[in-house]
């Protein structure tokens, strides 16, 4: 799921998601932020919080 969202973000905004800002964070947190960005058509802004929580996404 993470990979799909990363591709969608890149396609939507013409730039890669700043994944390096999330080093050491749980994958599910990145998925939630990416999903929020893609589903609401908004670019990520550093420090952005999300109320979207995908509980059944695969995570490590």
PDB file of N, CA and C in Angstrom:
ATOM      1  N   UNK A   1       0.811  -1.191   0.000  1.00  0.00           N
ATOM      2  CA  UNK A   1       0.000   0.000   0.000  1.00  0.00           C
ATOM      3  C   UNK A   1       0.860   1.262   0.000  1.00  0.00           C
ATOM      4  N   UNK A   2       1.944   1.258   0.758  1.00  0.00           N
ATOM      5  CA  UNK A   2       2.832   2.417   0.820  1.00  0.00           C
ATOM      6  C   UNK A   2       3.366   2.754  -0.570  1.00  0.00           C
ATOM      7  N   UNK A   3       3.810   1.749  -1.273  1.00  0.00           N
ATOM      8  CA  UNK A   3       4.373   1.969  -2.605  1.00  0.00           C
ATOM      9  C   UNK A   3       3.350   2.597  -3.551  1.00  0.00           C
ATOM     10  N   UNK A   4       2.131   2.115  -3.524  1.00  0.00           N
ATOM     11  CA  UNK A   4       1.062   2.649  -4.384  1.00  0.00           C
ATOM     12  C   UNK A   4       0.815   4.116  -4.051  1.00  0.00           C
ATOM     13  N   UNK A   5       0.730   4.444  -2.775  1.00  0.00           N
ATOM     14  CA  UNK A   5       0.492   5.822  -2.362  1.00  0.00           C
ATOM     15  C   UNK A   5       1.658   6.735  -2.754  1.00  0.00           C
ATOM     16  N   UNK A   6       2.879   6.236  -2.656  1.00  0.00           N
ATOM     17  CA  UNK A   6       4.036   7.031  -3.073  1.00  0.00           C
ATOM     18  C   UNK A   6       3.971   7.353  -4.564  1.00  0.00           C
ATOM     19  N   UNK A   7       3.585   6.371  -5.378  1.00  0.00           N
ATOM     20  CA  UNK A   7       3.433   6.610  -6.820  1.00  0.00           C
ATOM     21  C   UNK A   7       2.295   7.594  -7.087  1.00  0.00           C
ATOM     22  N   UNK A   8       1.178   7.444  -6.392  1.00  0.00           N
ATOM     23  CA  UNK A   8       0.049   8.354  -6.581  1.00  0.00           C
ATOM     24  C   UNK A   8       0.427   9.784  -6.217  1.00  0.00           C
ATOM     25  N   UNK A   9       1.131   9.956  -5.126  1.00  0.00           N
ATOM     26  CA  UNK A   9       1.567  11.285  -4.692  1.00  0.00           C
ATOM     27  C   UNK A   9       2.459  11.910  -5.760  1.00  0.00           C
ATOM     28  N   UNK A  10       3.412  11.144  -6.259  1.00  0.00           N
ATOM     29  CA  UNK A  10       4.329  11.642  -7.282  1.00  0.00           C
ATOM     30  C   UNK A  10       3.571  12.022  -8.552  1.00  0.00           C
ATOM     31  N   UNK A  11       2.638  11.189  -8.964  1.00  0.00           N
ATOM     32  CA  UNK A  11       1.834  11.482 -10.152  1.00  0.00           C
ATOM     33  C   UNK A  11       0.963  12.723  -9.948  1.00  0.00           C
ATOM     34  N   UNK A  12       0.401  12.852  -8.780  1.00  0.00           N
ATOM     35  CA  UNK A  12      -0.525  13.945  -8.500  1.00  0.00           C
ATOM     36  C   UNK A  12       0.180  15.307  -8.414  1.00  0.00           C
ATOM     37  N   UNK A  13       1.340  15.326  -7.774  1.00  0.00           N
ATOM     38  CA  UNK A  13       2.010  16.599  -7.502  1.00  0.00           C
ATOM     39  C   UNK A  13       3.284  16.815  -8.319  1.00  0.00           C
ATOM     40  N   UNK A  14       3.705  15.819  -9.072  1.00  0.00           N
ATOM     41  CA  UNK A  14       4.886  15.971  -9.908  1.00  0.00           C
ATOM     42  C   UNK A  14       6.190  16.033  -9.139  1.00  0.00           C
ATOM     43  N   UNK A  15       6.165  15.547  -7.929  1.00  0.00           N
ATOM     44  CA  UNK A  15       7.369  15.499  -7.095  1.00  0.00           C
ATOM     45  C   UNK A  15       7.219  14.358  -6.104  1.00  0.00           C
ATOM     46  N   UNK A  16       8.324  13.789  -5.668  1.00  0.00           N
ATOM     47  CA  UNK A  16       8.233  12.675  -4.718  1.00  0.00           C
ATOM     48  C   UNK A  16       7.837  13.162  -3.325  1.00  0.00           C
ATOM     49  N   UNK A  17       7.182  12.292  -2.603  1.00  0.00           N
ATOM     50  CA  UNK A  17       6.848  12.556  -1.205  1.00  0.00           C
ATOM     51  C   UNK A  17       8.155  12.584  -0.414  1.00  0.00           C
ATOM     52  N   UNK A  18       8.317  13.520   0.533  1.00  0.00           N
ATOM     53  CA  UNK A  18       9.571  13.627   1.292  1.00  0.00           C
ATOM     54  C   UNK A  18       9.732  12.518   2.338  1.00  0.00           C
ATOM     55  N   UNK A  19       9.899  11.331   1.854  1.00  0.00           N
ATOM     56  CA  UNK A  19       9.964  10.141   2.705  1.00  0.00           C
ATOM     57  C   UNK A  19      11.099  10.207   3.725  1.00  0.00           C
ATOM     58  N   UNK A  20      12.192  10.875   3.371  1.00  0.00           N
ATOM     59  CA  UNK A  20      13.349  10.947   4.282  1.00  0.00           C
ATOM     60  C   UNK A  20      13.005  11.638   5.603  1.00  0.00           C
ATOM     61  N   UNK A  21      11.976  12.469   5.610  1.00  0.00           N
ATOM     62  CA  UNK A  21      11.562  13.131   6.842  1.00  0.00           C
ATOM     63  C   UNK A  21      10.939  12.166   7.846  1.00  0.00           C
ATOM     64  N   UNK A  22      10.632  10.958   7.376  1.00  0.00           N
ATOM     65  CA  UNK A  22       9.948   9.982   8.214  1.00  0.00           C
ATOM     66  C   UNK A  22      10.829   8.804   8.615  1.00  0.00           C
ATOM     67  N   UNK A  23      12.127   8.975   8.487  1.00  0.00           N
ATOM     68  CA  UNK A  23      13.051   7.910   8.869  1.00  0.00           C
ATOM     69  C   UNK A  23      12.819   7.542  10.335  1.00  0.00           C
ATOM     70  N   UNK A  24      12.634   6.259  10.589  1.00  0.00           N
ATOM     71  CA  UNK A  24      12.430   5.774  11.944  1.00  0.00           C
ATOM     72  C   UNK A  24      10.983   5.799  12.420  1.00  0.00           C
ATOM     73  N   UNK A  25      10.091   6.347  11.607  1.00  0.00           N
ATOM     74  CA  UNK A  25       8.670   6.390  11.974  1.00  0.00           C
ATOM     75  C   UNK A  25       7.990   5.101  11.528  1.00  0.00           C
ATOM     76  N   UNK A  26       6.942   4.690  12.200  1.00  0.00           N
ATOM     77  CA  UNK A  26       6.205   3.499  11.776  1.00  0.00           C
ATOM     78  C   UNK A  26       5.606   3.703  10.383  1.00  0.00           C
ATOM     79  N   UNK A  27       5.641   2.652   9.587  1.00  0.00           N
ATOM     80  CA  UNK A  27       5.123   2.709   8.223  1.00  0.00           C
ATOM     81  C   UNK A  27       3.664   3.138   8.188  1.00  0.00           C
ATOM     82  N   UNK A  28       2.876   2.712   9.153  1.00  0.00           N
ATOM     83  CA  UNK A  28       1.456   3.048   9.164  1.00  0.00           C
ATOM     84  C   UNK A  28       1.254   4.558   9.302  1.00  0.00           C
ATOM     85  N   UNK A  29       2.138   5.258   9.998  1.00  0.00           N
ATOM     86  CA  UNK A  29       2.041   6.718  10.117  1.00  0.00           C
ATOM     87  C   UNK A  29       2.257   7.386   8.764  1.00  0.00           C
ATOM     88  N   UNK A  30       3.221   6.888   8.019  1.00  0.00           N
ATOM     89  CA  UNK A  30       3.500   7.424   6.679  1.00  0.00           C
ATOM     90  C   UNK A  30       2.323   7.140   5.752  1.00  0.00           C
ATOM     91  N   UNK A  31       1.778   5.946   5.837  1.00  0.00           N
ATOM     92  CA  UNK A  31       0.628   5.574   5.012  1.00  0.00           C
ATOM     93  C   UNK A  31      -0.543   6.505   5.304  1.00  0.00           C
ATOM     94  N   UNK A  32      -0.818   6.780   6.568  1.00  0.00           N
ATOM     95  CA  UNK A  32      -1.931   7.654   6.923  1.00  0.00           C
ATOM     96  C   UNK A  32      -1.750   9.061   6.361  1.00  0.00           C
ATOM     97  N   UNK A  33      -0.562   9.612   6.468  1.00  0.00           N
ATOM     98  CA  UNK A  33      -0.316  10.957   5.942  1.00  0.00           C
ATOM     99  C   UNK A  33      -0.408  10.967   4.424  1.00  0.00           C
ATOM    100  N   UNK A  34       0.201   9.985   3.779  1.00  0.00           N
ATOM    101  CA  UNK A  34       0.128   9.894   2.319  1.00  0.00           C
ATOM    102  C   UNK A  34      -1.314   9.747   1.848  1.00  0.00           C
ATOM    103  N   UNK A  35      -2.063   8.910   2.504  1.00  0.00           N
ATOM    104  CA  UNK A  35      -3.464   8.700   2.133  1.00  0.00           C
ATOM    105  C   UNK A  35      -4.248  10.006   2.262  1.00  0.00           C
ATOM    106  N   UNK A  36      -4.014  10.730   3.321  1.00  0.00           N
ATOM    107  CA  UNK A  36      -4.666  12.017   3.525  1.00  0.00           C
ATOM    108  C   UNK A  36      -4.306  12.989   2.401  1.00  0.00           C
ATOM    109  N   UNK A  37      -3.036  13.067   2.054  1.00  0.00           N
ATOM    110  CA  UNK A  37      -2.583  13.955   0.975  1.00  0.00           C
ATOM    111  C   UNK A  37      -3.247  13.593  -0.351  1.00  0.00           C
ATOM    112  N   UNK A  38      -3.208  12.328  -0.702  1.00  0.00           N
ATOM    113  CA  UNK A  38      -3.732  11.875  -1.990  1.00  0.00           C
ATOM    114  C   UNK A  38      -5.258  11.998  -2.047  1.00  0.00           C
ATOM    115  N   UNK A  39      -5.927  11.606  -0.986  1.00  0.00           N
ATOM    116  CA  UNK A  39      -7.388  11.628  -1.021  1.00  0.00           C
ATOM    117  C   UNK A  39      -7.959  13.045  -0.933  1.00  0.00           C
ATOM    118  N   UNK A  40      -7.200  13.987  -0.372  1.00  0.00           N
ATOM    119  CA  UNK A  40      -7.676  15.367  -0.245  1.00  0.00           C
ATOM    120  C   UNK A  40      -6.957  16.342  -1.175  1.00  0.00           C
ATOM    121  N   UNK A  41      -6.124  15.795  -2.064  1.00  0.00           N
ATOM    122  CA  UNK A  41      -5.405  16.591  -3.052  1.00  0.00           C
ATOM    123  C   UNK A  41      -4.634  17.748  -2.410  1.00  0.00           C
ATOM    124  N   UNK A  42      -3.836  17.408  -1.387  1.00  0.00           N
ATOM    125  CA  UNK A  42      -3.026  18.441  -0.750  1.00  0.00           C
ATOM    126  C   UNK A  42      -1.604  17.935  -0.559  1.00  0.00           C
ATOM    127  N   UNK A  43      -0.667  18.801  -0.883  1.00  0.00           N
ATOM    128  CA  UNK A  43       0.753  18.471  -0.720  1.00  0.00           C
ATOM    129  C   UNK A  43       1.096  18.365   0.767  1.00  0.00           C
ATOM    130  N   UNK A  44       2.114  17.566   1.040  1.00  0.00           N
ATOM    131  CA  UNK A  44       2.586  17.439   2.412  1.00  0.00           C
ATOM    132  C   UNK A  44       3.316  18.721   2.812  1.00  0.00           C
ATOM    133  N   UNK A  45       3.033  19.197   4.010  1.00  0.00           N
ATOM    134  CA  UNK A  45       3.723  20.331   4.610  1.00  0.00           C
ATOM    135  C   UNK A  45       4.384  19.797   5.870  1.00  0.00           C
ATOM    136  N   UNK A  46       5.669  20.108   6.054  1.00  0.00           N
ATOM    137  CA  UNK A  46       6.392  19.557   7.198  1.00  0.00           C
ATOM    138  C   UNK A  46       5.654  19.827   8.508  1.00  0.00           C
ATOM    139  N   UNK A  47       5.508  18.785   9.290  1.00  0.00           N
ATOM    140  CA  UNK A  47       4.809  18.866  10.563  1.00  0.00           C
ATOM    141  C   UNK A  47       3.312  18.627  10.461  1.00  0.00           C
ATOM    142  N   UNK A  48       2.851  18.381   9.243  1.00  0.00           N
ATOM    143  CA  UNK A  48       1.428  18.157   8.996  1.00  0.00           C
ATOM    144  C   UNK A  48       0.916  16.977   9.816  1.00  0.00           C
ATOM    145  N   UNK A  49      -0.243  17.153  10.401  1.00  0.00           N
ATOM    146  CA  UNK A  49      -0.904  16.079  11.146  1.00  0.00           C
ATOM    147  C   UNK A  49      -2.094  15.594  10.331  1.00  0.00           C
ATOM    148  N   UNK A  50      -2.527  14.398  10.593  1.00  0.00           N
ATOM    149  CA  UNK A  50      -3.680  13.860   9.894  1.00  0.00           C
ATOM    150  C   UNK A  50      -4.640  13.226  10.882  1.00  0.00           C
ATOM    151  N   UNK A  51      -5.910  13.273  10.544  1.00  0.00           N
ATOM    152  CA  UNK A  51      -6.910  12.591  11.362  1.00  0.00           C
ATOM    153  C   UNK A  51      -7.334  11.295  10.691  1.00  0.00           C
ATOM    154  N   UNK A  52      -6.762  11.037   9.514  1.00  0.00           N
ATOM    155  CA  UNK A  52      -7.046   9.804   8.790  1.00  0.00           C
ATOM    156  C   UNK A  52      -6.259   8.680   9.441  1.00  0.00           C
ATOM    157  N   UNK A  53      -6.940   7.587   9.726  1.00  0.00           N
ATOM    158  CA  UNK A  53      -6.255   6.434  10.324  1.00  0.00           C
ATOM    159  C   UNK A  53      -6.725   5.167   9.635  1.00  0.00           C
ATOM    160  N   UNK A  54      -5.815   4.584   8.906  1.00  0.00           N
ATOM    161  CA  UNK A  54      -6.093   3.331   8.229  1.00  0.00           C
ATOM    162  C   UNK A  54      -5.561   2.222   9.131  1.00  0.00           C
ATOM    163  N   UNK A  55      -6.458   1.538   9.786  1.00  0.00           N
ATOM    164  CA  UNK A  55      -6.050   0.547  10.783  1.00  0.00           C
ATOM    165  C   UNK A  55      -5.717  -0.814  10.197  1.00  0.00           C
ATOM    166  N   UNK A  56      -6.287  -1.134   9.040  1.00  0.00           N
ATOM    167  CA  UNK A  56      -6.068  -2.469   8.506  1.00  0.00           C
ATOM    168  C   UNK A  56      -4.983  -2.516   7.436  1.00  0.00           C
ATOM    169  N   UNK A  57      -4.225  -1.436   7.277  1.00  0.00           N
ATOM    170  CA  UNK A  57      -3.135  -1.429   6.304  1.00  0.00           C
ATOM    171  C   UNK A  57      -1.993  -2.285   6.818  1.00  0.00           C
ATOM    172  N   UNK A  58      -1.273  -2.917   5.923  1.00  0.00           N
ATOM    173  CA  UNK A  58      -0.127  -3.702   6.366  1.00  0.00           C
ATOM    174  C   UNK A  58       0.943  -2.778   6.913  1.00  0.00           C
ATOM    175  N   UNK A  59       1.506  -3.134   8.044  1.00  0.00           N
ATOM    176  CA  UNK A  59       2.569  -2.320   8.625  1.00  0.00           C
ATOM    177  C   UNK A  59       3.554  -3.229   9.356  1.00  0.00           C
ATOM    178  N   UNK A  60       4.680  -2.668   9.636  1.00  0.00           N
ATOM    179  CA  UNK A  60       5.753  -3.455  10.270  1.00  0.00           C
ATOM    180  C   UNK A  60       6.012  -3.004  11.671  1.00  0.00           C
TER     181      UNK A  60
END
